[in-house]
Amino acid sequence: MTPTLLFVHGWGFSADFWQPLRQRLNGIPCLAWDLGFHGAPNRPLPAADGPVVAVGHSFGLLWLLKEHPLPWRALVSINGFSRFTRADDFPQGVAPRLLERMAARLEEAPAAVHRDFLARCGMEAAASDGLDPARLAWGLSALAGWDCRAAAPVDLALCGRQDPIVPPAMSEALFAPALAKWRDGGHLLPLSDPDWCARQLTAYLETLM
């Protein structure tokens, strides 16, 4: 039985983020959850009798590892991480002050914080309609504090060699070489390289059947 792909987006995005990739998956059953940065959260449930492969982009992977909202057959990271901020045992992480600055600006200028972050990700134009500042603040707090390196293992990691948010050194520290698939690209591989992502996911699913 073909597993259902359950997609979870990153900070500041919505379930629509996955549309280009989903359109290239040739009938593979898919669901995309929405964490609520642009409106109410939405988490449709997969069929009760079928296997699930969870796929998290960026913060979406960290959220899946922390919440583990349902059983899955396998877990896939795309531009993801199990810890984001720097620590004594994780020097490859991001300096906490970067998130602190974003959080400090968020209350007064949520649209600007959101727009600036997506620009760093590589998006030239970003819609800020319906932003939920409280939910964005929750996400920044989670990015700063959650450490899920000891949680359920990741089975496949798709990584960008030019990722400005999750640099290669961070991915190399978090994922075993045998699990990582590298692409010349940035932080938005499902948008910039949906065909490549679809091929990697399809090939991985074939190993599970």
C-alpha atoms as a PDB file:
ATOM      1  CA  MET A   1       0.000   0.000   0.000  1.00  0.00           C
ATOM      2  CA  THR A   2       1.406   3.398  -0.993  1.00  0.00           C
ATOM      3  CA  PRO A   3       2.013   5.532   2.107  1.00  0.00           C
ATOM      4  CA  THR A   4       0.341   8.890   2.465  1.00  0.00           C
ATOM      5  CA  LEU A   5       2.768  11.803   2.482  1.00  0.00           C
ATOM      6  CA  LEU A   6       1.978  14.190   5.330  1.00  0.00           C
ATOM      7  CA  PHE A   7       3.586  17.596   4.733  1.00  0.00           C
ATOM      8  CA  VAL A   8       4.277  20.205   7.430  1.00  0.00           C
ATOM      9  CA  HIS A   9       5.576  23.637   6.401  1.00  0.00           C
ATOM     10  CA  GLY A  10       8.095  25.915   8.076  1.00  0.00           C
ATOM     11  CA  TRP A  11       7.907  29.156  10.057  1.00  0.00           C
ATOM     12  CA  GLY A  12       5.919  31.899   8.370  1.00  0.00           C
ATOM     13  CA  PHE A  13       4.502  29.699   5.613  1.00  0.00           C
ATOM     14  CA  SER A  14       1.176  27.936   5.112  1.00  0.00           C
ATOM     15  CA  ALA A  15       0.035  24.634   3.676  1.00  0.00           C
ATOM     16  CA  ASP A  16       0.000  26.258   0.218  1.00  0.00           C
ATOM     17  CA  PHE A  17       3.791  26.100   0.308  1.00  0.00           C
ATOM     18  CA  TRP A  18       3.594  22.465  -0.793  1.00  0.00           C
ATOM     19  CA  GLN A  19       1.472  22.908  -3.913  1.00  0.00           C
ATOM     20  CA  PRO A  20       4.278  22.841  -6.529  1.00  0.00           C
ATOM     21  CA  LEU A  21       5.678  19.635  -5.050  1.00  0.00           C
ATOM     22  CA  ARG A  22       2.309  17.951  -4.607  1.00  0.00           C
ATOM     23  CA  GLN A  23       1.463  18.604  -8.244  1.00  0.00           C
ATOM     24  CA  ARG A  24       4.496  16.562  -9.277  1.00  0.00           C
ATOM     25  CA  LEU A  25       3.828  13.479  -7.180  1.00  0.00           C
ATOM     26  CA  ASN A  26       1.695  11.695  -9.779  1.00  0.00           C
ATOM     27  CA  GLY A  27      -1.209  10.550  -7.697  1.00  0.00           C
ATOM     28  CA  ILE A  28       0.674   9.667  -4.511  1.00  0.00           C
ATOM     29  CA  PRO A  29      -1.765  10.402  -1.649  1.00  0.00           C
ATOM     30  CA  CYS A  30      -0.803  13.613   0.155  1.00  0.00           C
ATOM     31  CA  LEU A  31      -1.994  15.808   3.001  1.00  0.00           C
ATOM     32  CA  ALA A  32      -0.605  19.205   3.975  1.00  0.00           C
ATOM     33  CA  TRP A  33      -1.058  20.469   7.507  1.00  0.00           C
ATOM     34  CA  ASP A  34      -1.220  24.152   8.347  1.00  0.00           C
ATOM     35  CA  LEU A  35       0.401  25.359  11.568  1.00  0.00           C
ATOM     36  CA  GLY A  36      -1.616  28.562  11.654  1.00  0.00           C
ATOM     37  CA  PHE A  37       0.786  31.383  10.819  1.00  0.00           C
ATOM     38  CA  HIS A  38      -1.746  32.807   8.320  1.00  0.00           C
ATOM     39  CA  GLY A  39      -5.014  31.762   9.948  1.00  0.00           C
ATOM     40  CA  ALA A  40      -6.495  28.875  11.857  1.00  0.00           C
ATOM     41  CA  PRO A  41      -4.416  25.686  12.056  1.00  0.00           C
ATOM     42  CA  ASN A  42      -5.717  22.843   9.918  1.00  0.00           C
ATOM     43  CA  ARG A  43      -4.651  19.214  10.354  1.00  0.00           C
ATOM     44  CA  PRO A  44      -6.754  16.807   8.276  1.00  0.00           C
ATOM     45  CA  LEU A  45      -6.208  13.211   9.334  1.00  0.00           C
ATOM     46  CA  PRO A  46      -4.928  10.521   6.978  1.00  0.00           C
ATOM     47  CA  ALA A  47      -6.794   7.271   6.461  1.00  0.00           C
ATOM     48  CA  ALA A  48      -6.731   5.267   9.663  1.00  0.00           C
ATOM     49  CA  ASP A  49      -5.634   2.035   7.984  1.00  0.00           C
ATOM     50  CA  GLY A  50      -2.734   3.342   5.899  1.00  0.00           C
ATOM     51  CA  PRO A  51       0.955   4.070   6.563  1.00  0.00           C
ATOM     52  CA  VAL A  52       2.189   7.662   6.749  1.00  0.00           C
ATOM     53  CA  VAL A  53       5.489   9.210   5.748  1.00  0.00           C
ATOM     54  CA  ALA A  54       5.842  12.582   7.463  1.00  0.00           C
ATOM     55  CA  VAL A  55       7.728  15.310   5.586  1.00  0.00           C
ATOM     56  CA  GLY A  56       8.802  18.478   7.365  1.00  0.00           C
ATOM     57  CA  HIS A  57      10.276  21.585   5.788  1.00  0.00           C
ATOM     58  CA  SER A  58      12.537  23.708   7.997  1.00  0.00           C
ATOM     59  CA  PHE A  59      10.679  24.364  11.295  1.00  0.00           C
ATOM     60  CA  GLY A  60       8.094  21.814  10.165  1.00  0.00           C
ATOM     61  CA  LEU A  61      10.572  19.017  10.847  1.00  0.00           C
ATOM     62  CA  LEU A  62      11.342  20.358  14.318  1.00  0.00           C
ATOM     63  CA  TRP A  63       7.611  20.591  15.019  1.00  0.00           C
ATOM     64  CA  LEU A  64       7.031  16.993  13.924  1.00  0.00           C
ATOM     65  CA  LEU A  65       9.864  15.759  16.122  1.00  0.00           C
ATOM     66  CA  LYS A  66       8.605  17.715  19.133  1.00  0.00           C
ATOM     67  CA  GLU A  67       4.886  16.971  18.804  1.00  0.00           C
ATOM     68  CA  HIS A  68       4.963  13.554  17.097  1.00  0.00           C
ATOM     69  CA  PRO A  69       1.226  14.045  16.398  1.00  0.00           C
ATOM     70  CA  LEU A  70       0.637  10.599  14.909  1.00  0.00           C
ATOM     71  CA  PRO A  71       2.549   7.402  14.141  1.00  0.00           C
ATOM     72  CA  TRP A  72       4.573   7.421  10.946  1.00  0.00           C
ATOM     73  CA  ARG A  73       6.387   4.816   8.920  1.00  0.00           C
ATOM     74  CA  ALA A  74       9.251   7.175   8.122  1.00  0.00           C
ATOM     75  CA  LEU A  75      10.278  10.809   8.570  1.00  0.00           C
ATOM     76  CA  VAL A  76      11.753  13.011   5.833  1.00  0.00           C
ATOM     77  CA  SER A  77      13.469  16.367   6.275  1.00  0.00           C
ATOM     78  CA  ILE A  78      13.620  19.022   3.563  1.00  0.00           C
ATOM     79  CA  ASN A  79      15.860  21.938   4.583  1.00  0.00           C
ATOM     80  CA  GLY A  80      15.065  20.831   8.125  1.00  0.00           C
ATOM     81  CA  PHE A  81      16.719  20.531  11.511  1.00  0.00           C
ATOM     82  CA  SER A  82      16.228  18.914  14.899  1.00  0.00           C
ATOM     83  CA  ARG A  83      17.793  21.873  16.693  1.00  0.00           C
ATOM     84  CA  PHE A  84      18.155  25.414  15.372  1.00  0.00           C
ATOM     85  CA  THR A  85      20.029  27.548  17.897  1.00  0.00           C
ATOM     86  CA  ARG A  86      23.659  27.340  18.909  1.00  0.00           C
ATOM     87  CA  ALA A  87      24.702  25.477  22.058  1.00  0.00           C
ATOM     88  CA  ASP A  88      27.946  24.322  23.645  1.00  0.00           C
ATOM     89  CA  ASP A  89      27.478  20.925  22.023  1.00  0.00           C
ATOM     90  CA  PHE A  90      26.034  22.397  18.812  1.00  0.00           C
ATOM     91  CA  PRO A  91      28.293  25.216  17.566  1.00  0.00           C
ATOM     92  CA  GLN A  92      26.805  24.868  14.074  1.00  0.00           C
ATOM     93  CA  GLY A  93      23.507  26.362  15.247  1.00  0.00           C
ATOM     94  CA  VAL A  94      22.230  29.878  14.692  1.00  0.00           C
ATOM     95  CA  ALA A  95      23.098  32.582  17.222  1.00  0.00           C
ATOM     96  CA  PRO A  96      20.094  33.081  19.570  1.00  0.00           C
ATOM     97  CA  ARG A  97      20.342  36.860  19.214  1.00  0.00           C
ATOM     98  CA  LEU A  98      19.057  36.612  15.630  1.00  0.00           C
ATOM     99  CA  LEU A  99      15.765  35.170  16.855  1.00  0.00           C
ATOM    100  CA  GLU A 100      15.694  37.626  19.757  1.00  0.00           C
ATOM    101  CA  ARG A 101      15.888  40.541  17.325  1.00  0.00           C
ATOM    102  CA  MET A 102      13.082  39.106  15.223  1.00  0.00           C
ATOM    103  CA  ALA A 103      10.931  38.594  18.318  1.00  0.00           C
ATOM    104  CA  ALA A 104      11.592  42.145  19.529  1.00  0.00           C
ATOM    105  CA  ARG A 105      10.351  43.608  16.216  1.00  0.00           C
ATOM    106  CA  LEU A 106       7.450  41.238  15.809  1.00  0.00           C
ATOM    107  CA  GLU A 107       4.852  42.997  17.963  1.00  0.00           C
ATOM    108  CA  GLU A 108       5.207  46.340  16.171  1.00  0.00           C
ATOM    109  CA  ALA A 109       5.996  45.163  12.635  1.00  0.00           C
ATOM    110  CA  PRO A 110       4.935  41.548  12.053  1.00  0.00           C
ATOM    111  CA  ALA A 111       4.598  41.991   8.286  1.00  0.00           C
ATOM    112  CA  ALA A 112       8.093  43.456   8.004  1.00  0.00           C
ATOM    113  CA  VAL A 113       9.637  40.656  10.099  1.00  0.00           C
ATOM    114  CA  HIS A 114       7.847  38.073   7.990  1.00  0.00           C
ATOM    115  CA  ARG A 115       8.817  39.758   4.715  1.00  0.00           C
ATOM    116  CA  ASP A 116      12.475  40.133   5.727  1.00  0.00           C
ATOM    117  CA  PHE A 117      12.719  36.484   6.758  1.00  0.00           C
ATOM    118  CA  LEU A 118      11.215  35.207   3.522  1.00  0.00           C
ATOM    119  CA  ALA A 119      13.568  37.476   1.576  1.00  0.00           C
ATOM    120  CA  ARG A 120      16.501  35.818   3.357  1.00  0.00           C
ATOM    121  CA  CYS A 121      15.029  32.490   2.339  1.00  0.00           C
ATOM    122  CA  GLY A 122      15.061  33.605  -1.299  1.00  0.00           C
ATOM    123  CA  MET A 123      11.485  34.739  -1.901  1.00  0.00           C
ATOM    124  CA  GLU A 124      11.330  38.065  -3.723  1.00  0.00           C
ATOM    125  CA  ALA A 125       7.609  38.595  -3.044  1.00  0.00           C
ATOM    126  CA  ALA A 126       5.746  37.328   0.004  1.00  0.00           C
ATOM    127  CA  ALA A 127       2.102  37.635   0.948  1.00  0.00           C
ATOM    128  CA  SER A 128       1.500  38.840   4.509  1.00  0.00           C
ATOM    129  CA  ASP A 129      -2.291  38.544   4.443  1.00  0.00           C
ATOM    130  CA  GLY A 130      -3.821  37.130   7.597  1.00  0.00           C
ATOM    131  CA  LEU A 131      -0.603  36.924   9.581  1.00  0.00           C
ATOM    132  CA  ASP A 132      -1.063  35.841  13.195  1.00  0.00           C
ATOM    133  CA  PRO A 133       1.615  37.678  15.231  1.00  0.00           C
ATOM    134  CA  ALA A 134       0.998  35.575  18.342  1.00  0.00           C
ATOM    135  CA  ARG A 135       1.490  32.383  16.369  1.00  0.00           C
ATOM    136  CA  LEU A 136       4.635  33.764  14.753  1.00  0.00           C
ATOM    137  CA  ALA A 137       5.968  34.632  18.217  1.00  0.00           C
ATOM    138  CA  TRP A 138       5.212  31.096  19.401  1.00  0.00           C
ATOM    139  CA  GLY A 139       7.182  29.755  16.444  1.00  0.00           C
ATOM    140  CA  LEU A 140      10.196  31.936  17.211  1.00  0.00           C
ATOM    141  CA  SER A 141      10.127  30.759  20.824  1.00  0.00           C
ATOM    142  CA  ALA A 142      10.039  27.149  19.653  1.00  0.00           C
ATOM    143  CA  LEU A 143      12.931  27.724  17.263  1.00  0.00           C
ATOM    144  CA  ALA A 144      14.929  29.230  20.106  1.00  0.00           C
ATOM    145  CA  GLY A 145      14.188  26.580  22.708  1.00  0.00           C
ATOM    146  CA  TRP A 146      13.348  23.213  21.213  1.00  0.00           C
ATOM    147  CA  ASP A 147      16.061  20.572  21.011  1.00  0.00           C
ATOM    148  CA  CYS A 148      14.832  17.355  19.401  1.00  0.00           C
ATOM    149  CA  ARG A 149      18.145  15.763  18.505  1.00  0.00           C
ATOM    150  CA  ALA A 150      17.290  12.797  20.728  1.00  0.00           C
ATOM    151  CA  ALA A 151      13.798  12.353  19.249  1.00  0.00           C
ATOM    152  CA  ALA A 152      12.680   9.899  16.568  1.00  0.00           C
ATOM    153  CA  PRO A 153      15.297   9.449  13.842  1.00  0.00           C
ATOM    154  CA  VAL A 154      15.092  11.095  10.446  1.00  0.00           C
ATOM    155  CA  ASP A 155      15.134   8.576   7.600  1.00  0.00           C
ATOM    156  CA  LEU A 156      15.939  10.897   4.682  1.00  0.00           C
ATOM    157  CA  ALA A 157      17.239  14.477   4.595  1.00  0.00           C
ATOM    158  CA  LEU A 158      17.112  16.659   1.480  1.00  0.00           C
ATOM    159  CA  CYS A 159      19.581  19.510   1.899  1.00  0.00           C
ATOM    160  CA  GLY A 160      20.571  22.608  -0.053  1.00  0.00           C
ATOM    161  CA  ARG A 161      24.254  23.355  -0.535  1.00  0.00           C
ATOM    162  CA  GLN A 162      23.531  27.095  -0.627  1.00  0.00           C
ATOM    163  CA  ASP A 163      20.906  27.160   2.121  1.00  0.00           C
ATOM    164  CA  PRO A 164      21.205  30.532   3.931  1.00  0.00           C
ATOM    165  CA  ILE A 165      18.968  29.469   6.846  1.00  0.00           C
ATOM    166  CA  VAL A 166      20.255  25.917   7.431  1.00  0.00           C
ATOM    167  CA  PRO A 167      23.885  26.010   6.286  1.00  0.00           C
ATOM    168  CA  PRO A 168      25.560  22.785   5.152  1.00  0.00           C
ATOM    169  CA  ALA A 169      27.578  22.591   8.365  1.00  0.00           C
ATOM    170  CA  MET A 170      24.345  22.453  10.376  1.00  0.00           C
ATOM    171  CA  SER A 171      22.886  19.710   8.193  1.00  0.00           C
ATOM    172  CA  GLU A 172      26.131  17.733   8.337  1.00  0.00           C
ATOM    173  CA  ALA A 173      26.106  17.940  12.133  1.00  0.00           C
ATOM    174  CA  LEU A 174      22.491  16.755  12.400  1.00  0.00           C
ATOM    175  CA  PHE A 175      22.167  14.078   9.694  1.00  0.00           C
ATOM    176  CA  ALA A 176      24.342  11.045   8.995  1.00  0.00           C
ATOM    177  CA  PRO A 177      25.988  11.185   5.558  1.00  0.00           C
ATOM    178  CA  ALA A 178      24.103   8.105   4.408  1.00  0.00           C
ATOM    179  CA  LEU A 179      20.762   9.852   5.010  1.00  0.00           C
ATOM    180  CA  ALA A 180      21.536  13.166   3.299  1.00  0.00           C
ATOM    181  CA  LYS A 181      20.780  13.977  -0.344  1.00  0.00           C
ATOM    182  CA  TRP A 182      22.339  17.229  -1.509  1.00  0.00           C
ATOM    183  CA  ARG A 183      21.130  19.697  -4.126  1.00  0.00           C
ATOM    184  CA  ASP A 184      22.652  22.915  -5.446  1.00  0.00           C
ATOM    185  CA  GLY A 185      19.960  25.165  -4.037  1.00  0.00           C
ATOM    186  CA  GLY A 186      18.790  27.218  -1.098  1.00  0.00           C
ATOM    187  CA  HIS A 187      16.259  26.976   1.696  1.00  0.00           C
ATOM    188  CA  LEU A 188      13.139  26.551  -0.431  1.00  0.00           C
ATOM    189  CA  LEU A 189      13.838  23.313  -2.286  1.00  0.00           C
ATOM    190  CA  PRO A 190      10.122  22.357  -2.545  1.00  0.00           C
ATOM    191  CA  LEU A 191       9.570  25.647  -4.417  1.00  0.00           C
ATOM    192  CA  SER A 192      12.830  26.018  -6.323  1.00  0.00           C
ATOM    193  CA  ASP A 193      13.391  22.335  -7.123  1.00  0.00           C
ATOM    194  CA  PRO A 194      10.022  20.560  -6.873  1.00  0.00           C
ATOM    195  CA  ASP A 195      10.893  18.061  -9.611  1.00  0.00           C
ATOM    196  CA  TRP A 196      14.055  16.978  -7.812  1.00  0.00           C
ATOM    197  CA  CYS A 197      12.227  16.740  -4.471  1.00  0.00           C
ATOM    198  CA  ALA A 198       9.465  14.698  -6.094  1.00  0.00           C
ATOM    199  CA  ARG A 199      12.007  12.271  -7.567  1.00  0.00           C
ATOM    200  CA  GLN A 200      13.713  11.829  -4.200  1.00  0.00           C
ATOM    201  CA  LEU A 201      10.428  11.227  -2.381  1.00  0.00           C
ATOM    202  CA  THR A 202       9.120   8.837  -5.049  1.00  0.00           C
ATOM    203  CA  ALA A 203      12.344   6.826  -5.017  1.00  0.00           C
ATOM    204  CA  TYR A 204      12.285   6.661  -1.220  1.00  0.00           C
ATOM    205  CA  LEU A 205       8.666   5.507  -1.118  1.00  0.00           C
ATOM    206  CA  GLU A 206       9.563   2.676  -3.505  1.00  0.00           C
ATOM    207  CA  THR A 207      12.028   1.370  -0.907  1.00  0.00           C
ATOM    208  CA  LEU A 208       9.188   1.099   1.627  1.00  0.00           C
ATOM    209  CA  MET A 209       6.814  -0.921  -0.558  1.00  0.00           C
END
